[in-house]
Amino acid sequence: MFKLRYYCQKGGKEGIRKKLTEIQKKYGIDYDVLDLYDQESEKQVYERDFKPRAKLLKQRTGEPITQLRSKRARNYFVSIPGTIAIIGNEKVEWYTLGDDAVAIFLGKILNGGHNFLEECCK
């Protein structure tokens, strides 16, 4: 059983939250919203949820998790808000970054439901 997690700041985009609610009503797929409030909380989420799954996530999405991280001067900063992830057994199984990509992804779930989520996580 999968659930969706929306990583955002200040409550995120209303349109994305609306689609998450529609998915929950239509398919019973739960979701949670993790509101990240500062750079340190983003780093903790990155270290906990994404970094340990880096190889698997790259294999499934075709994108390295380093896209969630940018290097400015000597310090790394993390930019996770605007990310949605498929969570299975409390682990990130797949993700996409950016409000446009998230909206497209949620539209695909509305059309494909559980089958689409399972395909993403193969």
C-alpha atoms as a PDB file:
ATOM      1  CA  MET A   1       0.000   0.000   0.000  1.00  0.00           C
ATOM      2  CA  PHE A   2       1.406   3.335  -1.038  1.00  0.00           C
ATOM      3  CA  LYS A   3       0.805   6.851   0.161  1.00  0.00           C
ATOM      4  CA  LEU A   4       1.868  10.186  -1.263  1.00  0.00           C
ATOM      5  CA  ARG A   5       3.928  12.779   0.561  1.00  0.00           C
ATOM      6  CA  TYR A   6       4.017  16.396  -0.558  1.00  0.00           C
ATOM      7  CA  TYR A   7       7.088  18.286   0.637  1.00  0.00           C
ATOM      8  CA  CYS A   8       6.365  22.015   0.619  1.00  0.00           C
ATOM      9  CA  GLN A   9       6.718  25.320   2.410  1.00  0.00           C
ATOM     10  CA  LYS A  10       3.925  27.494   3.758  1.00  0.00           C
ATOM     11  CA  GLY A  11       1.250  24.930   2.924  1.00  0.00           C
ATOM     12  CA  GLY A  12       2.283  24.460  -0.695  1.00  0.00           C
ATOM     13  CA  LYS A  13       0.244  25.063  -3.822  1.00  0.00           C
ATOM     14  CA  GLU A  14      -3.536  24.911  -3.416  1.00  0.00           C
ATOM     15  CA  GLY A  15      -3.961  23.144  -6.782  1.00  0.00           C
ATOM     16  CA  ILE A  16      -1.648  20.333  -5.718  1.00  0.00           C
ATOM     17  CA  ARG A  17      -3.410  19.895  -2.389  1.00  0.00           C
ATOM     18  CA  LYS A  18      -6.742  19.788  -4.245  1.00  0.00           C
ATOM     19  CA  LYS A  19      -5.498  17.021  -6.559  1.00  0.00           C
ATOM     20  CA  LEU A  20      -4.213  15.048  -3.576  1.00  0.00           C
ATOM     21  CA  THR A  21      -7.681  15.248  -2.020  1.00  0.00           C
ATOM     22  CA  GLU A  22      -9.285  14.105  -5.296  1.00  0.00           C
ATOM     23  CA  ILE A  23      -6.917  11.121  -5.466  1.00  0.00           C
ATOM     24  CA  GLN A  24      -7.731  10.185  -1.887  1.00  0.00           C
ATOM     25  CA  LYS A  25     -11.474  10.340  -2.561  1.00  0.00           C
ATOM     26  CA  LYS A  26     -11.283   8.448  -5.858  1.00  0.00           C
ATOM     27  CA  TYR A  27      -8.771   5.719  -4.941  1.00  0.00           C
ATOM     28  CA  GLY A  28      -8.383   5.815  -1.156  1.00  0.00           C
ATOM     29  CA  ILE A  29      -4.677   6.632  -1.516  1.00  0.00           C
ATOM     30  CA  ASP A  30      -3.599   8.475   1.614  1.00  0.00           C
ATOM     31  CA  TYR A  31      -1.299  11.449   1.567  1.00  0.00           C
ATOM     32  CA  ASP A  32       0.495  13.670   3.980  1.00  0.00           C
ATOM     33  CA  VAL A  33       1.956  17.125   3.663  1.00  0.00           C
ATOM     34  CA  LEU A  34       5.361  17.781   5.171  1.00  0.00           C
ATOM     35  CA  ASP A  35       5.767  21.526   5.547  1.00  0.00           C
ATOM     36  CA  LEU A  36       9.484  22.344   5.627  1.00  0.00           C
ATOM     37  CA  TYR A  37      10.157  25.535   7.488  1.00  0.00           C
ATOM     38  CA  ASP A  38      13.892  26.167   7.068  1.00  0.00           C
ATOM     39  CA  GLN A  39      17.089  25.017   5.408  1.00  0.00           C
ATOM     40  CA  GLU A  40      18.040  22.777   8.320  1.00  0.00           C
ATOM     41  CA  SER A  41      14.736  20.881   8.208  1.00  0.00           C
ATOM     42  CA  GLU A  42      15.189  20.423   4.441  1.00  0.00           C
ATOM     43  CA  LYS A  43      18.667  18.994   5.010  1.00  0.00           C
ATOM     44  CA  GLN A  44      17.348  16.568   7.639  1.00  0.00           C
ATOM     45  CA  VAL A  45      14.601  15.367   5.295  1.00  0.00           C
ATOM     46  CA  TYR A  46      17.108  14.967   2.467  1.00  0.00           C
ATOM     47  CA  GLU A  47      19.463  12.946   4.682  1.00  0.00           C
ATOM     48  CA  ARG A  48      16.659  10.802   6.120  1.00  0.00           C
ATOM     49  CA  ASP A  49      14.298  10.246   3.181  1.00  0.00           C
ATOM     50  CA  PHE A  50      16.277  10.620  -0.033  1.00  0.00           C
ATOM     51  CA  LYS A  51      20.006  10.077   0.406  1.00  0.00           C
ATOM     52  CA  PRO A  52      19.818   6.454   1.689  1.00  0.00           C
ATOM     53  CA  ARG A  53      17.651   5.556  -1.354  1.00  0.00           C
ATOM     54  CA  ALA A  54      19.781   7.398  -3.942  1.00  0.00           C
ATOM     55  CA  LYS A  55      20.644   4.446  -6.210  1.00  0.00           C
ATOM     56  CA  LEU A  56      17.132   3.024  -6.245  1.00  0.00           C
ATOM     57  CA  LEU A  57      15.550   6.426  -6.871  1.00  0.00           C
ATOM     58  CA  LYS A  58      17.915   7.160  -9.757  1.00  0.00           C
ATOM     59  CA  GLN A  59      17.141   3.769 -11.267  1.00  0.00           C
ATOM     60  CA  ARG A  60      13.388   4.361 -11.025  1.00  0.00           C
ATOM     61  CA  THR A  61      13.184   8.041 -11.950  1.00  0.00           C
ATOM     62  CA  GLY A  62      16.216   8.457 -14.187  1.00  0.00           C
ATOM     63  CA  GLU A  63      17.176  11.526 -12.140  1.00  0.00           C
ATOM     64  CA  PRO A  64      19.919  11.733  -9.518  1.00  0.00           C
ATOM     65  CA  ILE A  65      18.857  12.959  -6.092  1.00  0.00           C
ATOM     66  CA  THR A  66      21.602  15.554  -6.360  1.00  0.00           C
ATOM     67  CA  GLN A  67      19.022  17.623  -8.246  1.00  0.00           C
ATOM     68  CA  LEU A  68      17.595  18.239  -4.781  1.00  0.00           C
ATOM     69  CA  ARG A  69      20.933  19.704  -3.751  1.00  0.00           C
ATOM     70  CA  SER A  70      22.841  22.652  -5.108  1.00  0.00           C
ATOM     71  CA  LYS A  71      26.293  23.867  -4.281  1.00  0.00           C
ATOM     72  CA  ARG A  72      26.723  27.530  -3.449  1.00  0.00           C
ATOM     73  CA  ALA A  73      30.186  28.618  -2.361  1.00  0.00           C
ATOM     74  CA  ARG A  74      31.393  25.975   0.082  1.00  0.00           C
ATOM     75  CA  ASN A  75      28.021  25.020   1.496  1.00  0.00           C
ATOM     76  CA  TYR A  76      25.420  22.666   0.106  1.00  0.00           C
ATOM     77  CA  PHE A  77      21.832  23.682   0.406  1.00  0.00           C
ATOM     78  CA  VAL A  78      18.829  21.500  -0.165  1.00  0.00           C
ATOM     79  CA  SER A  79      15.736  22.449  -2.093  1.00  0.00           C
ATOM     80  CA  ILE A  80      13.019  19.892  -1.430  1.00  0.00           C
ATOM     81  CA  PRO A  81       9.863  22.052  -1.341  1.00  0.00           C
ATOM     82  CA  GLY A  82       7.792  21.393  -4.426  1.00  0.00           C
ATOM     83  CA  THR A  83       8.570  17.666  -4.333  1.00  0.00           C
ATOM     84  CA  ILE A  84       6.112  14.811  -4.149  1.00  0.00           C
ATOM     85  CA  ALA A  85       7.089  11.253  -3.314  1.00  0.00           C
ATOM     86  CA  ILE A  86       5.508   7.837  -3.320  1.00  0.00           C
ATOM     87  CA  ILE A  87       6.002   6.312   0.114  1.00  0.00           C
ATOM     88  CA  GLY A  88       5.930   2.557   0.663  1.00  0.00           C
ATOM     89  CA  ASN A  89       6.739   0.969   4.005  1.00  0.00           C
ATOM     90  CA  GLU A  90       7.744   4.433   5.291  1.00  0.00           C
ATOM     91  CA  LYS A  91      10.435   4.764   2.591  1.00  0.00           C
ATOM     92  CA  VAL A  92      10.592   6.983  -0.471  1.00  0.00           C
ATOM     93  CA  GLU A  93      10.057   4.724  -3.483  1.00  0.00           C
ATOM     94  CA  TRP A  94       9.782   7.368  -6.244  1.00  0.00           C
ATOM     95  CA  TYR A  95       9.693  11.160  -6.475  1.00  0.00           C
ATOM     96  CA  THR A  96       9.333  14.123  -8.776  1.00  0.00           C
ATOM     97  CA  LEU A  97      10.451  17.693  -8.271  1.00  0.00           C
ATOM     98  CA  GLY A  98       8.852  20.967  -9.323  1.00  0.00           C
ATOM     99  CA  ASP A  99       5.262  22.161  -9.276  1.00  0.00           C
ATOM    100  CA  ASP A 100       4.677  21.517 -12.991  1.00  0.00           C
ATOM    101  CA  ALA A 101       6.035  17.964 -12.843  1.00  0.00           C
ATOM    102  CA  VAL A 102       4.065  17.300  -9.648  1.00  0.00           C
ATOM    103  CA  ALA A 103       0.805  18.463 -11.268  1.00  0.00           C
ATOM    104  CA  ILE A 104       1.394  16.207 -14.304  1.00  0.00           C
ATOM    105  CA  PHE A 105       2.262  13.278 -12.035  1.00  0.00           C
ATOM    106  CA  LEU A 106      -0.900  13.745  -9.952  1.00  0.00           C
ATOM    107  CA  GLY A 107      -2.973  13.891 -13.142  1.00  0.00           C
ATOM    108  CA  LYS A 108      -1.511  10.512 -14.154  1.00  0.00           C
ATOM    109  CA  ILE A 109      -2.470   9.071 -10.774  1.00  0.00           C
ATOM    110  CA  LEU A 110      -6.019  10.384 -11.212  1.00  0.00           C
ATOM    111  CA  ASN A 111      -6.171   8.459 -14.495  1.00  0.00           C
ATOM    112  CA  GLY A 112      -4.271   5.327 -13.471  1.00  0.00           C
ATOM    113  CA  GLY A 113      -4.712   4.950  -9.730  1.00  0.00           C
ATOM    114  CA  HIS A 114      -2.920   2.154  -7.894  1.00  0.00           C
ATOM    115  CA  ASN A 115      -1.676   0.536 -11.119  1.00  0.00           C
ATOM    116  CA  PHE A 116       0.203   3.695 -12.080  1.00  0.00           C
ATOM    117  CA  LEU A 117       1.889   3.879  -8.642  1.00  0.00           C
ATOM    118  CA  GLU A 118       2.943   0.245  -8.868  1.00  0.00           C
ATOM    119  CA  GLU A 119       4.468   0.845 -12.303  1.00  0.00           C
ATOM    120  CA  CYS A 120       6.492   3.778 -10.983  1.00  0.00           C
ATOM    121  CA  CYS A 121       7.943   1.628  -8.223  1.00  0.00           C
ATOM    122  CA  LYS A 122       9.143  -1.309 -10.318  1.00  0.00           C
END
